[in-house]
């Protein structure tokens, strides 16, 4: 291990202890056991924000020159605010080494990330979406994160909470589907109830399904249009044949 790397690791260990003593609100962070220069974090969407109810997993990659050079910052979970797995251009990231302050700690970086996430200022790596879309991403963040092995291993408490959210949603859908089971047309009623429950947790789901239905209808409509065109062309051909026959009969009579 070089002197620079040793210095970075020593500082990161100190920051880790400080972070455990004085946690950052709405954020937890853990380094990889195999690499102290790569940290992973989870942002809990603050109440009253369009991110409420969501977990947002990402990572910080520290250079060997830390704390004299800033880290790269990434977010892995789709949020509607940042592109996934893309270096974010922030004043606390490696995009702006000129504004970096070596006195800033990991806690400072995480606080700055959350603050910028709650703003609407554009930057490299950010995207623009509506609050409606952000809430939809928040609802789907749990399934997304549970598919990530690192998230589940480093953040078992958050992973358990996500499993609870997913299980509660599935129970809600099942209960809504079962509620129509004893009435006439129960199959249609159950399907409608389940779709309504699913739409409540996935606001964009109904729009996706409607688009899929329209696309399927478009494919059927295309076949119908083609058949109609064939019949019209055949009609014109028959009409032309009759006209030609009449003209030839007139000419023969003359």
C-alpha atoms as a PDB file:
ATOM      1  CA  UNK A   1       0.000   0.000   0.000  1.00  0.00           C
ATOM      2  CA  UNK A   2       1.468   3.377  -1.054  1.00  0.00           C
ATOM      3  CA  UNK A   3       1.757   6.331   1.292  1.00  0.00           C
ATOM      4  CA  UNK A   4      -1.097   8.133  -0.533  1.00  0.00           C
ATOM      5  CA  UNK A   5      -3.410   5.133  -0.289  1.00  0.00           C
ATOM      6  CA  UNK A   6      -2.485   4.635   3.361  1.00  0.00           C
ATOM      7  CA  UNK A   7      -3.349   8.288   4.045  1.00  0.00           C
ATOM      8  CA  UNK A   8      -6.720   7.946   2.307  1.00  0.00           C
ATOM      9  CA  UNK A   9      -7.587   4.759   4.190  1.00  0.00           C
ATOM     10  CA  UNK A  10      -6.610   6.318   7.510  1.00  0.00           C
ATOM     11  CA  UNK A  11      -8.809   9.357   6.880  1.00  0.00           C
ATOM     12  CA  UNK A  12     -11.726   7.212   5.715  1.00  0.00           C
ATOM     13  CA  UNK A  13     -11.529   5.117   8.872  1.00  0.00           C
ATOM     14  CA  UNK A  14     -11.768   8.299  10.935  1.00  0.00           C
ATOM     15  CA  UNK A  15     -14.742   9.485   8.888  1.00  0.00           C
ATOM     16  CA  UNK A  16     -16.446   6.130   9.365  1.00  0.00           C
ATOM     17  CA  UNK A  17     -16.162   6.372  13.140  1.00  0.00           C
ATOM     18  CA  UNK A  18     -17.476   9.951  13.090  1.00  0.00           C
ATOM     19  CA  UNK A  19     -20.380   8.892  10.890  1.00  0.00           C
ATOM     20  CA  UNK A  20     -21.318   6.134  13.320  1.00  0.00           C
ATOM     21  CA  UNK A  21     -21.226   8.562  16.246  1.00  0.00           C
ATOM     22  CA  UNK A  22     -23.113  11.305  14.415  1.00  0.00           C
ATOM     23  CA  UNK A  23     -25.224   9.845  11.555  1.00  0.00           C
ATOM     24  CA  UNK A  24     -26.427  11.986   8.666  1.00  0.00           C
ATOM     25  CA  UNK A  25     -30.233  12.338   8.640  1.00  0.00           C
ATOM     26  CA  UNK A  26     -31.931  10.147   6.006  1.00  0.00           C
ATOM     27  CA  UNK A  27     -28.638   8.507   4.938  1.00  0.00           C
ATOM     28  CA  UNK A  28     -26.664   5.429   5.939  1.00  0.00           C
ATOM     29  CA  UNK A  29     -23.297   4.533   4.446  1.00  0.00           C
ATOM     30  CA  UNK A  30     -20.918   1.576   4.578  1.00  0.00           C
ATOM     31  CA  UNK A  31     -17.556   0.884   2.886  1.00  0.00           C
ATOM     32  CA  UNK A  32     -16.981  -2.338   1.018  1.00  0.00           C
ATOM     33  CA  UNK A  33     -15.252  -4.826   3.341  1.00  0.00           C
ATOM     34  CA  UNK A  34     -12.772  -5.572   0.557  1.00  0.00           C
ATOM     35  CA  UNK A  35     -12.113  -1.951  -0.431  1.00  0.00           C
ATOM     36  CA  UNK A  36     -12.323   0.944   2.013  1.00  0.00           C
ATOM     37  CA  UNK A  37     -12.065   3.412  -0.875  1.00  0.00           C
ATOM     38  CA  UNK A  38     -15.490   2.405  -2.226  1.00  0.00           C
ATOM     39  CA  UNK A  39     -18.434   3.342  -0.029  1.00  0.00           C
ATOM     40  CA  UNK A  40     -22.092   2.571  -0.619  1.00  0.00           C
ATOM     41  CA  UNK A  41     -24.937   4.661   0.718  1.00  0.00           C
ATOM     42  CA  UNK A  42     -28.712   4.531   0.943  1.00  0.00           C
ATOM     43  CA  UNK A  43     -30.822   7.682   0.970  1.00  0.00           C
ATOM     44  CA  UNK A  44     -34.253   7.388   2.559  1.00  0.00           C
ATOM     45  CA  UNK A  45     -36.621   9.757   0.748  1.00  0.00           C
ATOM     46  CA  UNK A  46     -37.511  12.557   3.203  1.00  0.00           C
ATOM     47  CA  UNK A  47     -41.129  13.006   4.214  1.00  0.00           C
ATOM     48  CA  UNK A  48     -42.940  15.673   2.244  1.00  0.00           C
ATOM     49  CA  UNK A  49     -40.695  15.200  -0.801  1.00  0.00           C
ATOM     50  CA  UNK A  50     -41.568  13.296  -4.001  1.00  0.00           C
ATOM     51  CA  UNK A  51     -38.937  10.753  -2.907  1.00  0.00           C
ATOM     52  CA  UNK A  52     -40.805   9.829   0.297  1.00  0.00           C
ATOM     53  CA  UNK A  53     -41.141   6.097   0.803  1.00  0.00           C
ATOM     54  CA  UNK A  54     -38.201   5.270  -1.483  1.00  0.00           C
ATOM     55  CA  UNK A  55     -34.700   3.928  -0.836  1.00  0.00           C
ATOM     56  CA  UNK A  56     -31.949   5.207  -3.138  1.00  0.00           C
ATOM     57  CA  UNK A  57     -28.735   3.201  -3.297  1.00  0.00           C
ATOM     58  CA  UNK A  58     -25.483   4.595  -4.696  1.00  0.00           C
ATOM     59  CA  UNK A  59     -21.745   4.683  -4.150  1.00  0.00           C
ATOM     60  CA  UNK A  60     -18.769   6.967  -3.525  1.00  0.00           C
ATOM     61  CA  UNK A  61     -15.394   6.075  -5.054  1.00  0.00           C
ATOM     62  CA  UNK A  62     -12.491   7.769  -3.300  1.00  0.00           C
ATOM     63  CA  UNK A  63      -9.129   8.390  -4.982  1.00  0.00           C
ATOM     64  CA  UNK A  64      -5.836   7.434  -3.370  1.00  0.00           C
ATOM     65  CA  UNK A  65      -5.240  11.178  -2.862  1.00  0.00           C
ATOM     66  CA  UNK A  66      -8.287  11.635  -0.608  1.00  0.00           C
ATOM     67  CA  UNK A  67      -8.859  13.917   1.308  1.00  0.00           C
ATOM     68  CA  UNK A  68      -6.909  16.203  -1.018  1.00  0.00           C
ATOM     69  CA  UNK A  69      -8.986  15.134  -4.015  1.00  0.00           C
ATOM     70  CA  UNK A  70     -12.780  14.573  -4.042  1.00  0.00           C
ATOM     71  CA  UNK A  71     -14.579  11.283  -4.770  1.00  0.00           C
ATOM     72  CA  UNK A  72     -16.709  10.222  -7.712  1.00  0.00           C
ATOM     73  CA  UNK A  73     -20.415  10.057  -6.859  1.00  0.00           C
ATOM     74  CA  UNK A  74     -22.911   7.651  -8.432  1.00  0.00           C
ATOM     75  CA  UNK A  75     -26.549   6.700  -7.841  1.00  0.00           C
ATOM     76  CA  UNK A  76     -27.699   3.216  -8.796  1.00  0.00           C
ATOM     77  CA  UNK A  77     -31.419   3.314  -7.979  1.00  0.00           C
ATOM     78  CA  UNK A  78     -33.649   5.107 -10.505  1.00  0.00           C
ATOM     79  CA  UNK A  79     -34.900   8.252  -8.783  1.00  0.00           C
ATOM     80  CA  UNK A  80     -36.154  10.617 -11.452  1.00  0.00           C
ATOM     81  CA  UNK A  81     -33.450  13.079 -10.343  1.00  0.00           C
ATOM     82  CA  UNK A  82     -30.175  11.476 -11.458  1.00  0.00           C
ATOM     83  CA  UNK A  83     -29.083   9.168 -14.247  1.00  0.00           C
ATOM     84  CA  UNK A  84     -28.145   5.752 -12.912  1.00  0.00           C
ATOM     85  CA  UNK A  85     -24.527   4.578 -12.770  1.00  0.00           C
ATOM     86  CA  UNK A  86     -23.339   7.971 -14.027  1.00  0.00           C
ATOM     87  CA  UNK A  87     -20.742  10.251 -12.441  1.00  0.00           C
ATOM     88  CA  UNK A  88     -22.586  13.201 -10.971  1.00  0.00           C
ATOM     89  CA  UNK A  89     -21.308  16.707 -11.483  1.00  0.00           C
ATOM     90  CA  UNK A  90     -21.529  18.298  -8.036  1.00  0.00           C
ATOM     91  CA  UNK A  91     -19.376  20.819  -6.208  1.00  0.00           C
ATOM     92  CA  UNK A  92     -18.423  17.996  -3.815  1.00  0.00           C
ATOM     93  CA  UNK A  93     -17.473  15.505  -6.542  1.00  0.00           C
ATOM     94  CA  UNK A  94     -14.423  14.898  -8.719  1.00  0.00           C
ATOM     95  CA  UNK A  95     -15.989  17.064 -11.428  1.00  0.00           C
ATOM     96  CA  UNK A  96     -14.941  20.123  -9.415  1.00  0.00           C
ATOM     97  CA  UNK A  97     -11.556  19.535  -7.765  1.00  0.00           C
ATOM     98  CA  UNK A  98     -11.063  23.307  -7.790  1.00  0.00           C
ATOM     99  CA  UNK A  99     -13.910  23.817  -5.297  1.00  0.00           C
ATOM    100  CA  UNK A 100     -13.045  20.826  -3.109  1.00  0.00           C
ATOM    101  CA  UNK A 101     -12.075  21.417   0.520  1.00  0.00           C
ATOM    102  CA  UNK A 102      -9.888  18.716   2.171  1.00  0.00           C
ATOM    103  CA  UNK A 103     -11.624  19.445   5.467  1.00  0.00           C
ATOM    104  CA  UNK A 104     -14.871  18.037   4.069  1.00  0.00           C
ATOM    105  CA  UNK A 105     -15.723  14.569   5.351  1.00  0.00           C
ATOM    106  CA  UNK A 106     -17.846  11.705   4.064  1.00  0.00           C
ATOM    107  CA  UNK A 107     -20.717  13.104   6.137  1.00  0.00           C
ATOM    108  CA  UNK A 108     -20.311  16.467   4.367  1.00  0.00           C
ATOM    109  CA  UNK A 109     -20.421  14.746   0.970  1.00  0.00           C
ATOM    110  CA  UNK A 110     -23.572  12.793   1.811  1.00  0.00           C
ATOM    111  CA  UNK A 111     -25.295  15.869   3.223  1.00  0.00           C
ATOM    112  CA  UNK A 112     -24.463  17.817   0.065  1.00  0.00           C
ATOM    113  CA  UNK A 113     -25.744  14.979  -2.137  1.00  0.00           C
ATOM    114  CA  UNK A 114     -29.108  14.879  -0.370  1.00  0.00           C
ATOM    115  CA  UNK A 115     -29.407  18.661  -0.495  1.00  0.00           C
ATOM    116  CA  UNK A 116     -28.811  18.696  -4.245  1.00  0.00           C
ATOM    117  CA  UNK A 117     -31.190  15.770  -4.756  1.00  0.00           C
ATOM    118  CA  UNK A 118     -33.997  17.801  -3.195  1.00  0.00           C
ATOM    119  CA  UNK A 119     -33.306  20.762  -5.481  1.00  0.00           C
ATOM    120  CA  UNK A 120     -34.252  21.106  -9.143  1.00  0.00           C
ATOM    121  CA  UNK A 121     -30.992  22.622 -10.404  1.00  0.00           C
ATOM    122  CA  UNK A 122     -29.747  20.854 -13.554  1.00  0.00           C
ATOM    123  CA  UNK A 123     -26.241  19.451 -13.804  1.00  0.00           C
ATOM    124  CA  UNK A 124     -24.332  16.771 -15.688  1.00  0.00           C
ATOM    125  CA  UNK A 125     -25.856  13.491 -14.642  1.00  0.00           C
ATOM    126  CA  UNK A 126     -29.235  14.928 -13.637  1.00  0.00           C
ATOM    127  CA  UNK A 127     -32.571  14.416 -15.400  1.00  0.00           C
ATOM    128  CA  UNK A 128     -35.900  16.240 -15.349  1.00  0.00           C
ATOM    129  CA  UNK A 129     -39.075  14.386 -14.344  1.00  0.00           C
ATOM    130  CA  UNK A 130     -42.382  15.323 -12.753  1.00  0.00           C
ATOM    131  CA  UNK A 131     -43.137  14.763  -9.075  1.00  0.00           C
ATOM    132  CA  UNK A 132     -45.639  12.128 -10.220  1.00  0.00           C
ATOM    133  CA  UNK A 133     -42.856  10.179 -11.919  1.00  0.00           C
ATOM    134  CA  UNK A 134     -40.535  10.576  -8.916  1.00  0.00           C
ATOM    135  CA  UNK A 135     -43.209   9.095  -6.640  1.00  0.00           C
ATOM    136  CA  UNK A 136     -43.551   6.166  -9.030  1.00  0.00           C
ATOM    137  CA  UNK A 137     -39.788   5.575  -8.925  1.00  0.00           C
ATOM    138  CA  UNK A 138     -39.946   5.731  -5.110  1.00  0.00           C
ATOM    139  CA  UNK A 139     -42.622   3.019  -5.052  1.00  0.00           C
ATOM    140  CA  UNK A 140     -40.560   0.750  -7.307  1.00  0.00           C
ATOM    141  CA  UNK A 141     -37.195   1.391  -5.602  1.00  0.00           C
ATOM    142  CA  UNK A 142     -37.622  -1.521  -3.163  1.00  0.00           C
ATOM    143  CA  UNK A 143     -37.888  -4.264  -5.783  1.00  0.00           C
ATOM    144  CA  UNK A 144     -35.019  -2.682  -7.703  1.00  0.00           C
ATOM    145  CA  UNK A 145     -32.669  -2.567  -4.703  1.00  0.00           C
ATOM    146  CA  UNK A 146     -33.510  -6.086  -3.524  1.00  0.00           C
ATOM    147  CA  UNK A 147     -32.114  -7.391  -6.808  1.00  0.00           C
ATOM    148  CA  UNK A 148     -28.739  -5.838  -5.880  1.00  0.00           C
ATOM    149  CA  UNK A 149     -26.554  -8.198  -3.843  1.00  0.00           C
ATOM    150  CA  UNK A 150     -24.351  -5.423  -2.461  1.00  0.00           C
ATOM    151  CA  UNK A 151     -27.376  -3.494  -1.197  1.00  0.00           C
ATOM    152  CA  UNK A 152     -28.718  -6.553   0.620  1.00  0.00           C
ATOM    153  CA  UNK A 153     -25.357  -7.443   2.165  1.00  0.00           C
ATOM    154  CA  UNK A 154     -24.290  -3.962   3.305  1.00  0.00           C
ATOM    155  CA  UNK A 155     -27.721  -2.724   4.392  1.00  0.00           C
ATOM    156  CA  UNK A 156     -29.650  -5.675   5.893  1.00  0.00           C
ATOM    157  CA  UNK A 157     -31.968  -3.382   7.875  1.00  0.00           C
ATOM    158  CA  UNK A 158     -33.033  -1.445   4.776  1.00  0.00           C
ATOM    159  CA  UNK A 159     -33.321  -4.701   2.807  1.00  0.00           C
ATOM    160  CA  UNK A 160     -35.683  -6.117   5.447  1.00  0.00           C
ATOM    161  CA  UNK A 161     -37.804  -2.964   5.305  1.00  0.00           C
ATOM    162  CA  UNK A 162     -37.952  -3.215   1.521  1.00  0.00           C
ATOM    163  CA  UNK A 163     -39.071  -6.835   1.755  1.00  0.00           C
ATOM    164  CA  UNK A 164     -41.830  -5.758   4.135  1.00  0.00           C
ATOM    165  CA  UNK A 165     -42.963  -3.061   1.696  1.00  0.00           C
ATOM    166  CA  UNK A 166     -43.001  -5.513  -1.210  1.00  0.00           C
ATOM    167  CA  UNK A 167     -44.847  -8.173   0.826  1.00  0.00           C
ATOM    168  CA  UNK A 168     -47.443  -5.641   2.008  1.00  0.00           C
ATOM    169  CA  UNK A 169     -48.026  -4.529  -1.569  1.00  0.00           C
ATOM    170  CA  UNK A 170     -48.490  -8.103  -2.766  1.00  0.00           C
ATOM    171  CA  UNK A 171     -50.945  -8.792   0.074  1.00  0.00           C
ATOM    172  CA  UNK A 172     -52.845  -5.640  -0.825  1.00  0.00           C
ATOM    173  CA  UNK A 173     -53.156  -6.763  -4.437  1.00  0.00           C
ATOM    174  CA  UNK A 174     -54.214 -10.278  -3.417  1.00  0.00           C
ATOM    175  CA  UNK A 175     -56.820  -8.919  -0.976  1.00  0.00           C
ATOM    176  CA  UNK A 176     -58.195  -6.553  -3.603  1.00  0.00           C
ATOM    177  CA  UNK A 177     -58.455  -9.410  -6.105  1.00  0.00           C
ATOM    178  CA  UNK A 178     -60.169 -11.673  -3.569  1.00  0.00           C
ATOM    179  CA  UNK A 179     -62.690  -8.993  -2.595  1.00  0.00           C
ATOM    180  CA  UNK A 180     -64.594  -9.525  -5.860  1.00  0.00           C
ATOM    181  CA  UNK A 181     -64.583 -13.327  -5.603  1.00  0.00           C
ATOM    182  CA  UNK A 182     -68.161 -13.819  -4.368  1.00  0.00           C
ATOM    183  CA  UNK A 183     -70.045 -11.614  -6.834  1.00  0.00           C
ATOM    184  CA  UNK A 184     -71.298 -12.177 -10.365  1.00  0.00           C
ATOM    185  CA  UNK A 185     -68.584 -11.602 -12.842  1.00  0.00           C
ATOM    186  CA  UNK A 186     -66.103 -12.268 -10.058  1.00  0.00           C
ATOM    187  CA  UNK A 187     -63.179 -12.898 -12.392  1.00  0.00           C
ATOM    188  CA  UNK A 188     -63.536  -9.507 -14.067  1.00  0.00           C
ATOM    189  CA  UNK A 189     -64.185  -7.818 -10.716  1.00  0.00           C
ATOM    190  CA  UNK A 190     -61.115  -9.466  -9.155  1.00  0.00           C
ATOM    191  CA  UNK A 191     -58.927  -8.450 -12.083  1.00  0.00           C
ATOM    192  CA  UNK A 192     -60.181  -4.875 -11.903  1.00  0.00           C
ATOM    193  CA  UNK A 193     -59.615  -4.717  -8.136  1.00  0.00           C
ATOM    194  CA  UNK A 194     -56.095  -6.112  -8.459  1.00  0.00           C
ATOM    195  CA  UNK A 195     -55.309  -3.637 -11.240  1.00  0.00           C
ATOM    196  CA  UNK A 196     -56.584  -0.777  -9.079  1.00  0.00           C
ATOM    197  CA  UNK A 197     -54.425  -1.855  -6.144  1.00  0.00           C
ATOM    198  CA  UNK A 198     -51.397  -2.201  -8.390  1.00  0.00           C
ATOM    199  CA  UNK A 199     -52.002   1.207  -9.933  1.00  0.00           C
ATOM    200  CA  UNK A 200     -52.100   2.781  -6.476  1.00  0.00           C
ATOM    201  CA  UNK A 201     -48.538   1.582  -5.816  1.00  0.00           C
ATOM    202  CA  UNK A 202     -47.338   2.072  -9.399  1.00  0.00           C
ATOM    203  CA  UNK A 203     -48.921   5.305 -10.711  1.00  0.00           C
ATOM    204  CA  UNK A 204     -47.365   4.867 -14.139  1.00  0.00           C
ATOM    205  CA  UNK A 205     -48.421   1.244 -14.493  1.00  0.00           C
ATOM    206  CA  UNK A 206     -51.861   1.989 -15.926  1.00  0.00           C
ATOM    207  CA  UNK A 207     -50.331   4.311 -18.511  1.00  0.00           C
ATOM    208  CA  UNK A 208     -47.919   1.553 -19.556  1.00  0.00           C
ATOM    209  CA  UNK A 209     -50.678  -1.037 -19.790  1.00  0.00           C
ATOM    210  CA  UNK A 210     -52.911   1.335 -21.773  1.00  0.00           C
ATOM    211  CA  UNK A 211     -50.078   1.976 -24.215  1.00  0.00           C
ATOM    212  CA  UNK A 212     -49.502  -1.755 -24.587  1.00  0.00           C
ATOM    213  CA  UNK A 213     -53.214  -2.288 -25.293  1.00  0.00           C
ATOM    214  CA  UNK A 214     -53.186   0.502 -27.864  1.00  0.00           C
ATOM    215  CA  UNK A 215     -50.135  -1.006 -29.530  1.00  0.00           C
ATOM    216  CA  UNK A 216     -51.810  -4.430 -29.610  1.00  0.00           C
ATOM    217  CA  UNK A 217     -54.949  -2.831 -31.031  1.00  0.00           C
ATOM    218  CA  UNK A 218     -52.806  -1.064 -33.567  1.00  0.00           C
ATOM    219  CA  UNK A 219     -51.423  -4.382 -34.753  1.00  0.00           C
ATOM    220  CA  UNK A 220     -54.958  -5.853 -35.097  1.00  0.00           C
ATOM    221  CA  UNK A 221     -56.211  -2.688 -36.772  1.00  0.00           C
ATOM    222  CA  UNK A 222     -53.393  -2.907 -39.294  1.00  0.00           C
ATOM    223  CA  UNK A 223     -54.517  -6.389 -40.359  1.00  0.00           C
ATOM    224  CA  UNK A 224     -58.108  -5.187 -40.685  1.00  0.00           C
ATOM    225  CA  UNK A 225     -57.010  -2.234 -42.819  1.00  0.00           C
ATOM    226  CA  UNK A 226     -54.961  -4.474 -45.102  1.00  0.00           C
ATOM    227  CA  UNK A 227     -57.923  -6.813 -45.628  1.00  0.00           C
ATOM    228  CA  UNK A 228     -60.182  -3.864 -46.395  1.00  0.00           C
ATOM    229  CA  UNK A 229     -57.704  -2.571 -48.967  1.00  0.00           C
ATOM    230  CA  UNK A 230     -57.634  -5.989 -50.711  1.00  0.00           C
ATOM    231  CA  UNK A 231     -61.435  -6.079 -50.947  1.00  0.00           C
ATOM    232  CA  UNK A 232     -61.590  -2.520 -52.341  1.00  0.00           C
ATOM    233  CA  UNK A 233     -58.945  -3.264 -54.976  1.00  0.00           C
ATOM    234  CA  UNK A 234     -60.779  -6.490 -55.946  1.00  0.00           C
ATOM    235  CA  UNK A 235     -64.021  -4.538 -56.332  1.00  0.00           C
ATOM    236  CA  UNK A 236     -62.398  -2.035 -58.653  1.00  0.00           C
ATOM    237  CA  UNK A 237     -60.912  -4.871 -60.749  1.00  0.00           C
ATOM    238  CA  UNK A 238     -64.335  -6.532 -61.102  1.00  0.00           C
ATOM    239  CA  UNK A 239     -65.954  -3.229 -62.059  1.00  0.00           C
ATOM    240  CA  UNK A 240     -63.281  -2.598 -64.702  1.00  0.00           C
ATOM    241  CA  UNK A 241     -63.830  -6.075 -66.155  1.00  0.00           C
ATOM    242  CA  UNK A 242     -67.616  -5.480 -66.443  1.00  0.00           C
ATOM    243  CA  UNK A 243     -67.106  -2.091 -68.149  1.00  0.00           C
ATOM    244  CA  UNK A 244     -64.666  -3.631 -70.621  1.00  0.00           C
ATOM    245  CA  UNK A 245     -67.121  -6.445 -71.419  1.00  0.00           C
ATOM    246  CA  UNK A 246     -69.976  -3.970 -72.028  1.00  0.00           C
ATOM    247  CA  UNK A 247     -67.845  -1.852 -74.352  1.00  0.00           C
ATOM    248  CA  UNK A 248     -66.759  -4.912 -76.319  1.00  0.00           C
ATOM    249  CA  UNK A 249     -70.412  -6.039 -76.656  1.00  0.00           C
ATOM    250  CA  UNK A 250     -71.444  -2.600 -77.947  1.00  0.00           C
ATOM    251  CA  UNK A 251     -68.602  -2.613 -80.466  1.00  0.00           C
ATOM    252  CA  UNK A 252     -69.616  -6.098 -81.718  1.00  0.00           C
ATOM    253  CA  UNK A 253     -73.250  -5.004 -82.100  1.00  0.00           C
ATOM    254  CA  UNK A 254     -72.206  -2.060 -84.241  1.00  0.00           C
END
